[in-house]
Protein backbone atom coordinates (compact mmCIF):
# COMPACT_ATOMS: atom_id res chain seq x y z
CA MET A 1 64.40 -107.46 45.79
CA THR A 2 61.33 -108.89 46.89
CA PRO A 3 58.10 -107.03 45.82
CA ASP A 4 55.27 -105.72 48.06
CA PRO A 5 53.45 -108.35 49.21
CA SER A 6 50.22 -105.91 49.35
CA ASP A 7 49.00 -107.07 45.60
CA THR A 8 49.43 -110.61 45.90
CA ARG A 9 45.80 -111.37 46.55
CA SER A 10 44.53 -109.37 43.10
CA LEU A 11 43.00 -112.45 42.13
CA LEU A 12 40.90 -112.55 45.43
CA PRO A 13 37.33 -114.21 44.96
CA ARG A 14 34.30 -112.56 45.74
CA ARG A 15 32.58 -114.24 48.29
CA GLU A 16 28.67 -114.57 48.70
CA PRO A 17 26.26 -116.35 51.37
CA GLY A 18 26.41 -120.14 50.43
CA PRO A 19 26.35 -123.62 52.76
CA ARG A 20 29.85 -123.24 53.47
CA HIS A 21 30.60 -119.28 52.98
CA ALA A 22 33.50 -119.87 50.45
CA THR A 23 31.08 -119.20 47.06
CA HIS A 24 33.67 -118.37 44.46
CA VAL A 25 31.81 -116.08 42.14
CA ARG A 26 34.89 -115.00 39.83
CA PRO A 27 38.41 -113.48 40.19
CA ARG A 28 38.49 -109.93 40.46
CA LEU A 29 40.53 -107.19 41.86
CA PRO A 30 39.49 -106.23 45.33
CA ALA A 31 39.25 -102.86 46.78
CA THR A 32 42.15 -102.10 49.22
CA THR A 33 40.42 -101.43 52.56
CA GLY A 34 41.99 -101.62 56.03
CA THR A 35 45.37 -101.44 58.08
CA ARG A 36 46.17 -105.09 57.87
CA ARG A 37 49.39 -105.91 56.13
CA PRO A 38 48.23 -108.47 53.65
CA HIS A 39 50.29 -112.05 53.25
CA LEU A 40 52.86 -112.27 50.46
CA GLY A 41 50.70 -114.74 48.28
CA PRO A 42 52.43 -117.70 46.60
CA SER A 43 52.04 -116.05 42.99
CA TRP A 44 54.80 -114.29 43.29
CA PHE A 45 56.61 -117.54 43.05
CA ALA A 46 55.73 -117.14 39.19
CA ALA A 47 58.44 -114.31 39.20
CA VAL A 48 61.12 -116.81 39.64
CA MET A 49 59.37 -119.51 37.15
CA GLY A 50 59.54 -117.05 34.53
CA THR A 51 63.25 -115.79 35.15
CA GLY A 52 64.38 -119.60 35.62
CA ILE A 53 63.02 -120.31 32.40
CA VAL A 54 64.20 -117.56 30.40
CA ALA A 55 68.17 -118.77 31.20
CA ASN A 56 66.67 -122.46 30.93
CA ALA A 57 65.30 -122.12 27.57
CA ALA A 58 68.48 -119.99 26.45
CA ALA A 59 70.32 -123.18 27.59
CA THR A 60 68.22 -125.60 25.29
CA LEU A 61 68.04 -122.83 22.08
CA PRO A 62 68.74 -125.06 18.91
CA ARG A 63 70.51 -121.97 17.76
CA SER A 64 72.66 -120.15 20.62
CA SER A 65 76.02 -118.88 21.20
CA PRO A 66 78.21 -118.51 24.55
CA TRP A 67 77.60 -114.99 24.69
CA LEU A 68 73.86 -115.84 25.39
CA ARG A 69 74.96 -118.99 27.60
CA GLY A 70 76.68 -116.22 29.56
CA ALA A 71 73.73 -113.90 29.88
CA ALA A 72 71.45 -117.08 30.59
CA THR A 73 73.98 -118.12 33.66
CA VAL A 74 73.67 -114.48 35.13
CA VAL A 75 69.66 -114.43 34.93
CA TRP A 76 69.51 -117.80 36.59
CA ALA A 77 71.73 -116.73 39.25
CA GLY A 78 69.59 -113.82 39.55
CA ALA A 79 65.96 -116.46 39.69
CA ALA A 80 67.89 -118.51 42.42
CA LEU A 81 68.56 -115.74 44.95
CA LEU A 82 64.99 -114.79 44.08
CA LEU A 83 63.71 -118.10 45.24
CA LEU A 84 65.72 -117.96 48.31
CA LEU A 85 64.33 -114.13 49.13
CA LEU A 86 60.85 -115.45 48.63
CA ALA A 87 60.99 -118.61 50.29
CA ALA A 88 62.50 -116.99 53.33
CA ALA A 89 59.74 -114.69 53.53
CA TYR A 90 57.26 -116.68 52.53
CA VAL A 91 57.78 -119.39 55.32
CA ARG A 92 58.73 -116.78 57.91
CA GLN A 93 55.26 -115.42 57.36
CA ARG A 94 53.70 -118.85 58.29
CA ALA A 95 50.44 -117.76 55.93
CA LEU A 96 49.76 -121.66 54.38
CA ARG A 97 46.76 -122.68 55.95
CA ALA A 98 45.54 -119.46 55.42
CA HIS A 99 46.25 -119.83 51.63
CA ALA A 100 45.14 -122.83 51.47
CA SER A 101 41.97 -122.04 52.74
CA ASP A 102 41.21 -119.38 50.24
CA PRO A 103 39.94 -120.76 46.49
CA THR A 104 42.04 -118.46 44.50
CA GLN A 105 45.00 -118.41 46.41
CA ALA A 106 45.08 -122.13 47.12
CA GLN A 107 45.49 -122.33 43.16
CA PHE A 108 48.86 -120.48 43.44
CA LEU A 109 50.34 -122.95 45.73
CA GLY A 110 51.43 -124.84 42.67
CA ALA A 111 53.53 -122.27 41.73
CA LEU A 112 56.63 -122.65 44.70
CA PRO A 113 57.20 -126.32 43.40
CA MET A 114 57.57 -125.40 40.33
CA ALA A 115 60.27 -122.58 40.92
CA LEU A 116 62.35 -125.08 42.76
CA LEU A 117 62.32 -127.20 40.04
CA THR A 118 62.88 -124.56 37.11
CA VAL A 119 65.72 -123.47 39.49
CA GLY A 120 66.81 -126.91 39.92
CA ALA A 121 66.98 -127.42 36.40
CA GLY A 122 69.03 -124.09 35.70
CA ALA A 123 72.08 -125.06 38.07
CA LEU A 124 72.71 -128.50 35.93
CA LEU A 125 72.08 -126.95 32.93
CA LEU A 126 74.23 -123.36 33.70
CA GLY A 127 75.32 -123.48 36.92
CA GLY A 128 78.37 -126.10 36.54
CA GLN A 129 80.43 -123.21 35.60
CA VAL A 130 79.39 -120.98 38.68
CA LEU A 131 79.31 -123.61 41.19
CA GLY A 132 81.03 -126.61 39.88
CA GLU A 133 79.84 -129.59 38.11
CA ARG A 134 79.46 -131.76 41.32
CA ALA A 135 77.99 -129.15 43.50
CA ALA A 136 75.26 -128.15 40.55
CA LEU A 137 74.46 -131.51 40.50
CA THR A 138 73.71 -131.92 44.18
CA VAL A 139 71.79 -128.46 44.28
CA ASP A 140 69.24 -129.52 41.11
CA TRP A 141 68.78 -133.39 42.88
CA ALA A 142 67.71 -131.62 45.77
CA LEU A 143 65.73 -128.68 44.57
CA TRP A 144 63.99 -131.33 42.28
CA SER A 145 63.54 -133.94 45.13
CA LEU A 146 62.04 -131.18 47.26
CA GLY A 147 60.41 -129.62 44.17
CA THR A 148 58.94 -133.22 43.13
CA ALA A 149 57.59 -133.93 46.80
CA LEU A 150 55.87 -130.40 47.24
CA GLY A 151 54.18 -130.65 43.55
CA LEU A 152 52.69 -134.09 44.42
CA ALA A 153 51.32 -132.92 47.57
CA THR A 154 49.32 -129.71 45.92
CA ALA A 155 48.60 -131.68 42.68
CA CYS A 156 46.36 -133.92 45.46
CA ALA A 157 45.61 -131.41 48.20
CA VAL A 158 44.31 -128.96 46.20
CA PRO A 159 41.85 -130.80 44.05
CA TYR A 160 40.68 -132.51 47.31
CA LEU A 161 40.29 -129.03 49.00
CA MET A 162 38.44 -127.99 46.03
CA VAL A 163 36.06 -130.62 46.40
CA THR A 164 35.80 -130.62 50.13
CA ARG A 165 35.87 -127.27 50.86
CA HIS A 166 35.96 -124.69 48.27
CA ARG A 167 32.78 -123.54 46.92
CA PHE A 168 32.52 -122.34 43.45
CA ALA A 169 29.99 -120.97 40.96
CA PRO A 170 29.65 -121.95 37.15
CA ASP A 171 32.02 -119.14 36.00
CA ALA A 172 34.57 -119.44 38.12
CA ALA A 173 37.31 -121.55 36.40
CA PHE A 174 40.29 -119.67 35.01
CA GLY A 175 43.73 -120.25 33.99
CA GLY A 176 45.26 -120.41 37.55
CA TRP A 177 43.35 -123.79 38.20
CA LEU A 178 46.04 -125.37 36.06
CA LEU A 179 48.87 -124.64 38.52
CA PRO A 180 48.40 -127.37 40.96
CA VAL A 181 48.21 -129.96 38.74
CA VAL A 182 51.39 -128.91 36.36
CA PRO A 183 53.95 -129.35 38.66
CA PRO A 184 54.28 -132.95 37.93
CA LEU A 185 55.01 -132.15 34.34
CA VAL A 186 57.65 -129.91 35.67
CA SER A 187 58.68 -132.71 37.47
CA ALA A 188 58.84 -135.10 34.39
CA ALA A 189 60.90 -133.19 32.22
CA THR A 190 63.44 -131.76 34.45
CA GLY A 191 63.59 -135.30 36.38
CA ALA A 192 64.64 -136.17 32.67
CA LEU A 193 67.50 -134.29 33.08
CA LEU A 194 68.75 -136.03 35.87
CA VAL A 195 68.40 -139.88 34.75
CA PRO A 196 71.85 -140.45 33.38
CA HIS A 197 73.31 -138.97 36.40
CA ALA A 198 71.07 -141.53 38.61
CA PRO A 199 73.00 -144.77 39.14
CA ALA A 200 72.39 -147.79 36.68
CA GLY A 201 69.92 -150.11 36.92
CA GLN A 202 67.16 -150.52 38.95
CA PRO A 203 67.84 -146.73 40.32
CA ARG A 204 67.90 -145.18 37.00
CA LEU A 205 64.73 -147.43 35.81
CA ALA A 206 62.59 -146.21 38.89
CA LEU A 207 63.77 -142.31 38.15
CA LEU A 208 62.55 -142.89 34.42
CA LEU A 209 59.20 -144.99 35.32
CA ALA A 210 58.25 -142.22 37.79
CA CYS A 211 59.02 -139.34 35.40
CA TYR A 212 56.70 -141.07 32.64
CA ALA A 213 54.02 -141.84 35.33
CA MET A 214 54.23 -138.11 36.24
CA LEU A 215 53.65 -137.22 32.58
CA GLY A 216 50.70 -138.78 32.75
CA LEU A 217 49.71 -137.48 36.05
CA GLY A 218 49.85 -134.06 34.92
CA LEU A 219 49.19 -134.48 31.28
CA VAL A 220 45.35 -136.35 32.29
CA ALA A 221 44.65 -133.56 34.85
CA VAL A 222 45.44 -130.48 32.88
CA LEU A 223 43.65 -131.68 29.66
CA LEU A 224 40.53 -132.17 32.18
CA VAL A 225 40.88 -128.76 33.62
CA LEU A 226 41.48 -127.25 30.73
CA ALA A 227 37.97 -128.68 29.46
CA MET A 228 36.75 -126.79 32.22
CA VAL A 229 38.23 -123.63 31.71
CA TYR A 230 37.48 -123.51 27.89
CA SER A 231 33.70 -124.38 29.13
CA ARG A 232 33.73 -121.53 31.14
CA LEU A 233 35.13 -119.22 28.15
CA VAL A 234 32.58 -120.26 26.14
CA HIS A 235 29.86 -120.05 28.35
CA HIS A 236 29.96 -116.71 30.31
CA ASP A 237 31.37 -113.23 30.13
CA ALA A 238 35.33 -113.19 28.50
CA PRO A 239 37.64 -112.69 31.28
CA THR A 240 38.68 -109.27 32.24
CA GLY A 241 41.74 -106.99 33.69
CA ALA A 242 43.81 -109.68 36.14
CA VAL A 243 42.16 -112.85 35.03
CA VAL A 244 43.37 -112.05 31.60
CA PRO A 245 47.08 -113.42 31.85
CA THR A 246 46.06 -117.14 33.71
CA VAL A 247 44.62 -117.96 30.29
CA TRP A 248 48.20 -118.00 29.10
CA ILE A 249 49.04 -121.14 31.82
CA GLY A 250 46.91 -123.23 29.45
CA LEU A 251 49.89 -122.72 26.80
CA GLY A 252 52.82 -123.40 29.05
CA ALA A 253 50.91 -126.31 30.60
CA ILE A 254 50.83 -128.44 27.22
CA ASP A 255 53.90 -127.24 25.79
CA GLN A 256 55.63 -128.79 28.98
CA ALA A 257 54.22 -131.98 28.30
CA VAL A 258 56.01 -131.97 24.63
CA THR A 259 59.39 -130.70 26.46
CA ALA A 260 58.65 -133.56 29.23
CA MET A 261 58.31 -136.07 26.30
CA GLY A 262 61.05 -134.88 24.81
CA THR A 263 63.66 -135.26 27.52
CA LEU A 264 62.61 -138.31 28.87
CA ALA A 265 62.82 -139.97 25.55
CA THR A 266 66.47 -138.64 24.90
CA ALA A 267 66.83 -140.38 28.74
CA ALA A 268 65.17 -143.67 27.73
CA PRO A 269 68.01 -145.38 25.94
CA SER A 270 70.06 -145.23 29.57
CA ALA A 271 67.62 -147.20 31.16
CA LEU A 272 65.02 -149.11 29.01
CA PRO A 273 65.49 -151.93 26.20
CA ALA A 274 66.04 -150.75 23.17
CA PRO A 275 62.43 -151.67 21.50
CA TYR A 276 60.86 -149.45 24.60
CA ALA A 277 63.53 -146.19 23.68
CA ARG A 278 62.70 -146.24 20.12
CA GLY A 279 58.91 -146.33 21.01
CA ALA A 280 59.98 -143.43 23.54
CA ALA A 281 61.40 -141.45 20.87
CA ALA A 282 58.28 -142.36 18.60
CA PHE A 283 55.74 -141.01 21.27
CA ALA A 284 57.93 -138.12 21.66
CA LEU A 285 58.05 -137.02 18.13
CA LEU A 286 54.71 -137.90 17.28
CA GLY A 287 52.79 -137.00 20.24
CA GLY A 288 54.45 -134.17 20.55
CA ILE A 289 53.94 -132.58 17.48
CA GLY A 290 50.43 -133.06 18.02
CA LEU A 291 49.79 -131.52 21.43
CA TRP A 292 52.38 -128.60 19.96
CA GLY A 293 49.66 -127.63 17.40
CA PHE A 294 46.76 -127.96 20.18
CA ALA A 295 49.16 -125.95 22.32
CA MET A 296 49.44 -123.12 19.02
CA LEU A 297 45.63 -122.99 19.17
CA TRP A 298 45.94 -122.02 22.82
CA LEU A 299 48.67 -119.42 21.88
CA VAL A 300 46.18 -117.79 19.57
CA LEU A 301 43.31 -117.83 21.88
CA ALA A 302 45.40 -116.25 24.42
CA ALA A 303 46.82 -113.80 22.35
CA ALA A 304 43.76 -112.73 21.09
CA LEU A 305 41.97 -112.61 24.78
CA THR A 306 45.16 -110.31 25.64
CA VAL A 307 44.45 -107.63 22.88
CA ARG A 308 41.50 -107.45 23.31
CA GLN A 309 42.00 -106.55 27.01
CA LEU A 310 44.71 -104.13 26.19
CA ARG A 311 42.23 -101.98 24.32
CA SER A 312 40.76 -101.14 27.90
CA GLY A 313 43.54 -101.71 29.72
CA LEU A 314 45.52 -104.22 31.65
CA PRO A 315 46.09 -103.26 35.25
CA PHE A 316 49.81 -104.68 36.58
CA ALA A 317 49.22 -107.71 39.33
CA PRO A 318 51.35 -110.65 40.14
CA SER A 319 48.97 -112.40 37.12
CA TRP A 320 51.09 -110.85 34.52
CA TRP A 321 54.11 -113.18 35.30
CA SER A 322 51.54 -115.92 34.07
CA PHE A 323 52.67 -114.64 30.51
CA ILE A 324 56.23 -115.81 30.92
CA PHE A 325 56.77 -119.16 31.81
CA PRO A 326 54.10 -120.35 29.68
CA LEU A 327 56.12 -118.56 26.64
CA GLY A 328 59.20 -120.60 27.94
CA ALA A 329 57.71 -123.59 27.81
CA CYS A 330 56.57 -123.06 24.49
CA VAL A 331 60.20 -122.44 23.50
CA THR A 332 61.55 -125.26 25.18
CA GLY A 333 58.64 -127.22 23.53
CA THR A 334 59.75 -126.05 20.09
CA GLY A 335 63.44 -126.33 20.85
CA VAL A 336 62.70 -130.23 21.61
CA LEU A 337 60.94 -130.79 18.10
CA ALA A 338 63.42 -128.71 16.53
CA THR A 339 65.79 -131.32 17.76
CA ARG A 340 64.25 -134.47 16.78
CA THR A 341 63.38 -133.65 13.28
CA GLY A 342 65.86 -131.03 12.13
CA SER A 343 62.98 -128.93 10.65
CA GLN A 344 63.62 -125.14 10.19
CA LEU A 345 60.30 -124.44 10.97
CA PHE A 346 60.93 -125.41 14.70
CA VAL A 347 64.31 -124.40 14.71
CA TRP A 348 63.28 -120.44 13.86
CA GLY A 349 60.15 -121.20 15.53
CA ALA A 350 62.26 -121.79 18.58
CA VAL A 351 64.26 -118.71 17.95
CA ALA A 352 61.56 -116.03 17.23
CA LEU A 353 59.37 -117.53 20.17
CA TYR A 354 62.60 -116.96 22.31
CA VAL A 355 63.03 -113.40 21.22
CA LEU A 356 59.53 -112.62 22.17
CA LEU A 357 60.28 -114.24 25.39
CA VAL A 358 63.19 -112.22 26.74
CA ALA A 359 60.91 -108.95 25.65
CA ALA A 360 57.65 -110.42 27.57
CA TRP A 361 60.07 -111.11 30.50
CA ALA A 362 61.87 -107.53 30.25
CA VAL A 363 58.48 -105.61 30.74
CA VAL A 364 56.91 -107.57 33.09
CA THR A 365 60.34 -107.44 35.13
CA TRP A 366 60.50 -103.52 34.48
CA ARG A 367 56.39 -103.35 35.84
CA SER A 368 57.10 -105.74 39.01
CA LEU A 369 60.05 -104.06 39.98
CA HIS A 370 58.62 -100.23 39.41
CA HIS A 371 55.80 -101.71 41.46
CA ALA A 372 57.70 -103.10 44.47
CA ALA A 373 59.70 -99.54 44.70
CA GLY A 374 56.58 -97.68 44.63
CA HIS A 375 55.12 -99.67 47.75
CA LEU A 376 58.28 -99.46 49.35
CA GLY A 377 58.24 -95.73 49.16
CA ARG A 378 54.77 -95.60 50.80
CA ARG A 379 55.89 -97.85 53.47
CA GLU A 380 58.98 -95.19 54.59
CA VAL A 381 56.69 -92.68 54.58
CA ARG A 382 54.31 -94.44 56.76
CA MET A 383 56.80 -95.37 58.90
């Protein structure tokens, strides 16, 4: 069931007169005026990302069981169905140009390629018993290729639009600015799963090196944006309302890099000479632990800001899905380090984070369904 799009613009900027009439002061919840039906915003694809990573994280959890894998397969199938529904509705409305011209909605265009990549990875990890191994691999190749192409497009096009078209006030930066540049990290992490299935020789090597290049592209871009977000946090008023969940996106971006390092190191021996494969393993371990430590710092900061906002009330918005994918990336990143180190700290840390992930996903899913049912009911009354 696709949520009603009427609240997908909950992070719209407040506009003020400026040189290009696109001054972005800060994301805020707008008042609902007029009768014009709003577009389905790209932020709703975060629901696919969040649901998909709940399934994928279960498949890679250091401590798992057959019943958990079976449940994860059902969740993955739900994410795939939701992706089909949202993608069909989004393409049909032809609102891409309008969203690209909006300083806030443009950021959420990165959610679509990450939704494709997440569902594609789930097909390979879990879909074999439903689709068959060959069909599952074909689905993953198709979704990974499309998601990677769209992700690279958003990583290039959205920053270009921010530089040339959009105008922002000094306090405009928020966690959503990470979304356009995170997809290459997701492509790197999920593409590593396809490396052993690529033809041996140059094609396999090219795929592995492309994934490492996307890891570098995404990680450096994420660190640049995180610096701007942190600067905004310390130099201006603390974020409030629906903007608060977007702070969690920083956690997901860093942990997605940790996951990519680990999965690429696992795939490296099938394509790289032994010395470089061993170097990839060392890079995944030492670099991954260092980044994981920074991710834990961001987790504490995001959690503290969320608790602060909960005291005064946190209204539901599509941005609530910003809690889920970052927590899922935290699970997969911690799980990768558990596999590489054998440390029980990481093993049980991944399990504890997964329990938290499932609880958060259940709450956000329930609120989303309740929100959608309410809006569908009101629409029927008006008709």
